[in-house]
Amino acid sequence: MAYSDELWAEAKKKCRLNQEDIALAKRLGLNPRSLIKNIPSKSEPWKAPVKDWLHEIDAKRQKKAAQKQRRKEKSGGGGPA
C-alpha cells in the first residue's frame, strides 16, 4: 500500500527526520504510522530516537546480508547452472 505524502510529511515533522531518513524508512519497508508509534516517551528512556532506530535496523540488515554473501562465497556459491 502506498502512503500519502501528507502522512510521510507528518512522520518527518513529528520524528524530526530529514529526507534521507524518510527514504531509508521507505527502503526498509516501514510506514509513517510505525515511525510515529516508535517515538520514545519520557517514561521510555531506554528507547532510542526514531532516527537512531532506523539506522540500527539498516545496519543490522546490511550486516546480515554481508554474512549471507560471505557464506555463499565460502560454500562455492554455485547452484544449478
N, C-alpha and C. Protein backbone atom coordinates (compact mmCIF):
# COMPACT_ATOMS: atom_id res chain seq x y z
N MET A 1 0.85 -1.18 0.00
CA MET A 1 0.00 0.00 0.00
C MET A 1 0.89 1.24 0.00
N ALA A 2 0.56 2.17 -0.84
CA ALA A 2 1.32 3.43 -0.91
C ALA A 2 0.72 4.42 0.08
N TYR A 3 1.57 5.03 0.87
CA TYR A 3 1.12 6.00 1.86
C TYR A 3 1.24 7.40 1.26
N SER A 4 0.33 8.26 1.65
CA SER A 4 0.30 9.61 1.08
C SER A 4 1.48 10.43 1.56
N ASP A 5 1.80 11.42 0.75
CA ASP A 5 2.89 12.34 1.09
C ASP A 5 2.58 13.09 2.39
N GLU A 6 1.30 13.31 2.66
CA GLU A 6 0.91 14.00 3.89
C GLU A 6 1.32 13.20 5.13
N LEU A 7 1.09 11.88 5.07
CA LEU A 7 1.47 11.03 6.22
C LEU A 7 2.98 11.01 6.41
N TRP A 8 3.72 10.94 5.30
CA TRP A 8 5.19 10.96 5.40
C TRP A 8 5.68 12.29 5.94
N ALA A 9 5.03 13.39 5.51
CA ALA A 9 5.42 14.72 6.00
C ALA A 9 5.15 14.84 7.50
N GLU A 10 4.03 14.27 7.94
CA GLU A 10 3.70 14.29 9.36
C GLU A 10 4.74 13.50 10.16
N ALA A 11 5.10 12.32 9.66
CA ALA A 11 6.11 11.50 10.34
C ALA A 11 7.46 12.21 10.36
N LYS A 12 7.79 12.86 9.25
CA LYS A 12 9.06 13.59 9.16
C LYS A 12 9.13 14.68 10.22
N LYS A 13 8.03 15.40 10.39
CA LYS A 13 7.99 16.50 11.34
C LYS A 13 8.00 15.99 12.79
N LYS A 14 7.12 15.03 13.08
CA LYS A 14 7.00 14.54 14.46
C LYS A 14 8.24 13.79 14.93
N CYS A 15 8.89 13.07 14.01
CA CYS A 15 10.06 12.26 14.38
C CYS A 15 11.37 13.00 14.18
N ARG A 16 11.27 14.24 13.69
CA ARG A 16 12.46 15.07 13.44
C ARG A 16 13.45 14.37 12.51
N LEU A 17 12.94 13.94 11.35
CA LEU A 17 13.75 13.25 10.36
C LEU A 17 14.04 14.15 9.18
N ASN A 18 15.08 13.83 8.43
CA ASN A 18 15.33 14.55 7.19
C ASN A 18 14.89 13.67 6.01
N GLN A 19 15.03 14.17 4.82
CA GLN A 19 14.55 13.44 3.64
C GLN A 19 15.28 12.12 3.44
N GLU A 20 16.57 12.08 3.77
CA GLU A 20 17.34 10.83 3.65
C GLU A 20 16.80 9.77 4.60
N ASP A 21 16.42 10.19 5.81
CA ASP A 21 15.87 9.24 6.79
C ASP A 21 14.52 8.70 6.31
N ILE A 22 13.72 9.55 5.71
CA ILE A 22 12.43 9.11 5.17
C ILE A 22 12.66 8.10 4.05
N ALA A 23 13.63 8.38 3.18
CA ALA A 23 13.95 7.45 2.09
C ALA A 23 14.42 6.11 2.65
N LEU A 24 15.21 6.15 3.72
CA LEU A 24 15.68 4.93 4.37
C LEU A 24 14.51 4.13 4.92
N ALA A 25 13.58 4.81 5.58
CA ALA A 25 12.40 4.14 6.14
C ALA A 25 11.58 3.47 5.03
N LYS A 26 11.43 4.15 3.91
CA LYS A 26 10.70 3.57 2.79
C LYS A 26 11.43 2.35 2.24
N ARG A 27 12.76 2.45 2.13
CA ARG A 27 13.57 1.34 1.63
C ARG A 27 13.47 0.13 2.57
N LEU A 28 13.36 0.39 3.87
CA LEU A 28 13.24 -0.68 4.85
C LEU A 28 11.83 -1.26 4.89
N GLY A 29 10.90 -0.63 4.20
CA GLY A 29 9.53 -1.13 4.14
C GLY A 29 8.68 -0.70 5.31
N LEU A 30 9.09 0.33 6.01
CA LEU A 30 8.31 0.83 7.14
C LEU A 30 7.25 1.81 6.64
N ASN A 31 6.26 2.05 7.47
CA ASN A 31 5.24 3.02 7.09
C ASN A 31 5.27 4.19 8.06
N PRO A 32 4.68 5.32 7.70
CA PRO A 32 4.75 6.51 8.55
C PRO A 32 4.14 6.30 9.94
N ARG A 33 3.10 5.49 10.03
CA ARG A 33 2.47 5.24 11.34
C ARG A 33 3.44 4.52 12.27
N SER A 34 4.21 3.57 11.74
CA SER A 34 5.14 2.84 12.60
C SER A 34 6.24 3.76 13.11
N LEU A 35 6.63 4.73 12.32
CA LEU A 35 7.64 5.69 12.77
C LEU A 35 7.10 6.52 13.92
N ILE A 36 5.87 7.00 13.75
CA ILE A 36 5.26 7.84 14.78
C ILE A 36 5.03 7.04 16.06
N LYS A 37 4.62 5.77 15.93
CA LYS A 37 4.39 4.93 17.10
C LYS A 37 5.67 4.68 17.89
N ASN A 38 6.82 4.75 17.23
CA ASN A 38 8.08 4.44 17.90
C ASN A 38 8.80 5.66 18.45
N ILE A 39 8.12 6.78 18.54
CA ILE A 39 8.71 7.96 19.19
C ILE A 39 8.77 7.64 20.69
N PRO A 40 9.95 7.72 21.29
CA PRO A 40 10.03 7.41 22.72
C PRO A 40 9.35 8.48 23.58
N SER A 41 8.64 8.02 24.61
CA SER A 41 8.04 8.97 25.54
C SER A 41 8.99 9.17 26.71
N LYS A 42 8.67 10.10 27.58
CA LYS A 42 9.53 10.39 28.72
C LYS A 42 9.63 9.20 29.67
N SER A 43 8.62 8.33 29.67
CA SER A 43 8.65 7.15 30.53
C SER A 43 9.40 5.98 29.90
N GLU A 44 9.96 6.18 28.70
CA GLU A 44 10.71 5.14 28.00
C GLU A 44 12.13 5.62 27.69
N PRO A 45 12.94 5.83 28.73
CA PRO A 45 14.28 6.37 28.50
C PRO A 45 15.21 5.40 27.76
N TRP A 46 14.87 4.11 27.74
CA TRP A 46 15.71 3.12 27.06
C TRP A 46 15.52 3.14 25.55
N LYS A 47 14.43 3.74 25.09
CA LYS A 47 14.11 3.75 23.66
C LYS A 47 14.95 4.78 22.93
N ALA A 48 15.54 4.38 21.82
CA ALA A 48 16.35 5.29 21.02
C ALA A 48 15.44 6.20 20.19
N PRO A 49 15.91 7.39 19.85
CA PRO A 49 15.14 8.24 18.94
C PRO A 49 14.91 7.51 17.61
N VAL A 50 13.84 7.89 16.92
CA VAL A 50 13.45 7.20 15.69
C VAL A 50 14.58 7.19 14.67
N LYS A 51 15.30 8.30 14.55
CA LYS A 51 16.40 8.38 13.59
C LYS A 51 17.46 7.32 13.88
N ASP A 52 17.84 7.18 15.15
CA ASP A 52 18.83 6.18 15.54
C ASP A 52 18.29 4.77 15.32
N TRP A 53 17.01 4.58 15.63
CA TRP A 53 16.36 3.28 15.46
C TRP A 53 16.41 2.84 13.99
N LEU A 54 16.11 3.77 13.08
CA LEU A 54 16.15 3.47 11.65
C LEU A 54 17.55 3.03 11.22
N HIS A 55 18.55 3.76 11.67
CA HIS A 55 19.92 3.45 11.28
C HIS A 55 20.40 2.12 11.89
N GLU A 56 19.91 1.78 13.08
CA GLU A 56 20.24 0.48 13.69
C GLU A 56 19.65 -0.65 12.86
N ILE A 57 18.40 -0.50 12.44
CA ILE A 57 17.74 -1.53 11.61
C ILE A 57 18.52 -1.71 10.32
N ASP A 58 18.90 -0.60 9.69
CA ASP A 58 19.63 -0.67 8.43
C ASP A 58 20.99 -1.35 8.62
N ALA A 59 21.68 -1.02 9.69
CA ALA A 59 23.00 -1.62 9.96
C ALA A 59 22.87 -3.13 10.18
N LYS A 60 21.83 -3.54 10.91
CA LYS A 60 21.62 -4.97 11.15
C LYS A 60 21.34 -5.71 9.85
N ARG A 61 20.53 -5.10 9.00
CA ARG A 61 20.20 -5.75 7.72
C ARG A 61 21.43 -5.85 6.81
N GLN A 62 22.24 -4.80 6.80
CA GLN A 62 23.46 -4.83 5.98
C GLN A 62 24.43 -5.89 6.50
N LYS A 63 24.55 -6.00 7.82
CA LYS A 63 25.44 -6.99 8.41
C LYS A 63 24.97 -8.40 8.05
N LYS A 64 23.67 -8.62 8.15
CA LYS A 64 23.10 -9.92 7.82
C LYS A 64 23.33 -10.27 6.34
N ALA A 65 23.13 -9.28 5.47
CA ALA A 65 23.33 -9.51 4.03
C ALA A 65 24.79 -9.82 3.74
N ALA A 66 25.70 -9.13 4.42
CA ALA A 66 27.13 -9.38 4.21
C ALA A 66 27.50 -10.79 4.68
N GLN A 67 26.96 -11.22 5.81
CA GLN A 67 27.23 -12.57 6.30
C GLN A 67 26.70 -13.61 5.33
N LYS A 68 25.53 -13.38 4.81
CA LYS A 68 24.92 -14.31 3.85
C LYS A 68 25.77 -14.40 2.59
N GLN A 69 26.28 -13.24 2.14
CA GLN A 69 27.12 -13.20 0.95
C GLN A 69 28.42 -13.97 1.18
N ARG A 70 29.03 -13.77 2.37
CA ARG A 70 30.28 -14.48 2.69
C ARG A 70 30.05 -15.99 2.74
N ARG A 71 28.93 -16.41 3.35
CA ARG A 71 28.62 -17.84 3.40
C ARG A 71 28.43 -18.41 2.01
N LYS A 72 27.77 -17.65 1.16
CA LYS A 72 27.52 -18.10 -0.21
C LYS A 72 28.85 -18.25 -0.96
N GLU A 73 29.75 -17.28 -0.80
CA GLU A 73 31.05 -17.35 -1.47
C GLU A 73 31.90 -18.48 -0.91
N LYS A 74 31.83 -18.71 0.39
CA LYS A 74 32.62 -19.74 1.05
C LYS A 74 32.19 -21.14 0.61
N SER A 75 30.91 -21.33 0.39
CA SER A 75 30.40 -22.66 0.02
C SER A 75 30.56 -22.94 -1.47
N GLY A 76 31.15 -22.06 -2.20
CA GLY A 76 31.33 -22.26 -3.63
C GLY A 76 30.38 -21.43 -4.46
N GLY A 77 29.34 -20.97 -3.83
CA GLY A 77 28.44 -20.04 -4.47
C GLY A 77 27.63 -20.60 -5.62
N GLY A 78 27.96 -21.76 -6.09
CA GLY A 78 27.28 -22.25 -7.27
C GLY A 78 26.02 -22.99 -6.96
N GLY A 79 25.07 -22.84 -7.82
CA GLY A 79 23.85 -23.60 -7.76
C GLY A 79 23.70 -24.28 -9.10
N PRO A 80 22.52 -24.65 -9.46
CA PRO A 80 22.32 -25.22 -10.80
C PRO A 80 22.65 -24.18 -11.87
N ALA A 81 23.35 -24.64 -12.87
CA ALA A 81 23.80 -23.72 -13.93
C ALA A 81 22.78 -23.52 -15.00
